[in-house]
């Protein structure tokens, strides 16, 4: 049985404000731990009105406080946007508040546009320091040495587990070199999934944190009573992708009956390429899709995005997925 986790988008919808999105994320975590999901992660996105997880560590504290056992983490923190010292402080604090439950996934993309990058007071070339910054975070989370003059308080000694996130070969090579678990963003960038996993596993070097490769695969899954119902629910995510291509990053929209009337052929082609590994349908369809993905990738864990508009319907999708996968 392959473990399942959740990537929570903290979507702000046309019917739910940011507070509602944050509370829905917290409610999902409380349900997810009962259904057998291993962890719930949120990602750092800036200047996106439809996503309320920009202050990622604060969001994680809110989610963790509403649950008792599920692991919470960043999937991920875009490290070039921050001083490694500050990220260590934040996640070390989370680890003190919620011992044994915190993960820190790190990515090197900015997670935003160039204008917002300037507002963050970061430069585009900050990503070039990503490998060194990862090591710096790791060092600040380790036990402090006797003559260490700069400590990340209260983070030192928490040893929060680090993950490398990626959608290309770079992250795979870095995770392998550092002996860290690797999460691939195939829920929106599926093209390089198999080559990246091959690189990661073939080059992996054991570390104090991890003695063998551990690969998590991101996947969009929407489960409903029928294939037709699930496909309709999936139009919310399809419209979100079309809007991104148009430069219109608005609120999440309710599903529609005819997605073909919404997007152009070019937008459809681009969106379907990015969503190529999505699994959308009835329990039988979803079961077959999950089985095929695990066979193809030998994933150690799947992290699921179920981008459904209505919160109650989204909860039902995640519950169905847990039943189908046998983790419930």
Foldseek 3Di string as FASTA:
>chain_A
DFAEAAEQQLFAAPVHASVRSLVLLLVLLALVVVLQHAAYEYEAAPPFRGGNCNVPLVSQVSNPVSHQHHAYEYPAYQVLLDQLLVVLLSQLVVCVVRPPRYAYEYENDPNYDPVVSVVSVGDPCSSVCVLVSVVVNQQLQEADDPPDPDHNPPRYHSNHAYEYEEADQVSLQSCQVAQHEYEYALQFRVPCQQVSLVSNQVRHDHDPVHGHYAYEYEEEEFEDAWQLVQVQQCLQVLLCQQCVVVVRSHGGYAGDNDSPVVHDPVSVVNRCNRNVLYQTTYLVSNLVSVVVVCVSRVHSYYHYYHPGDDSVSSSVRSSSNSVSVVSD
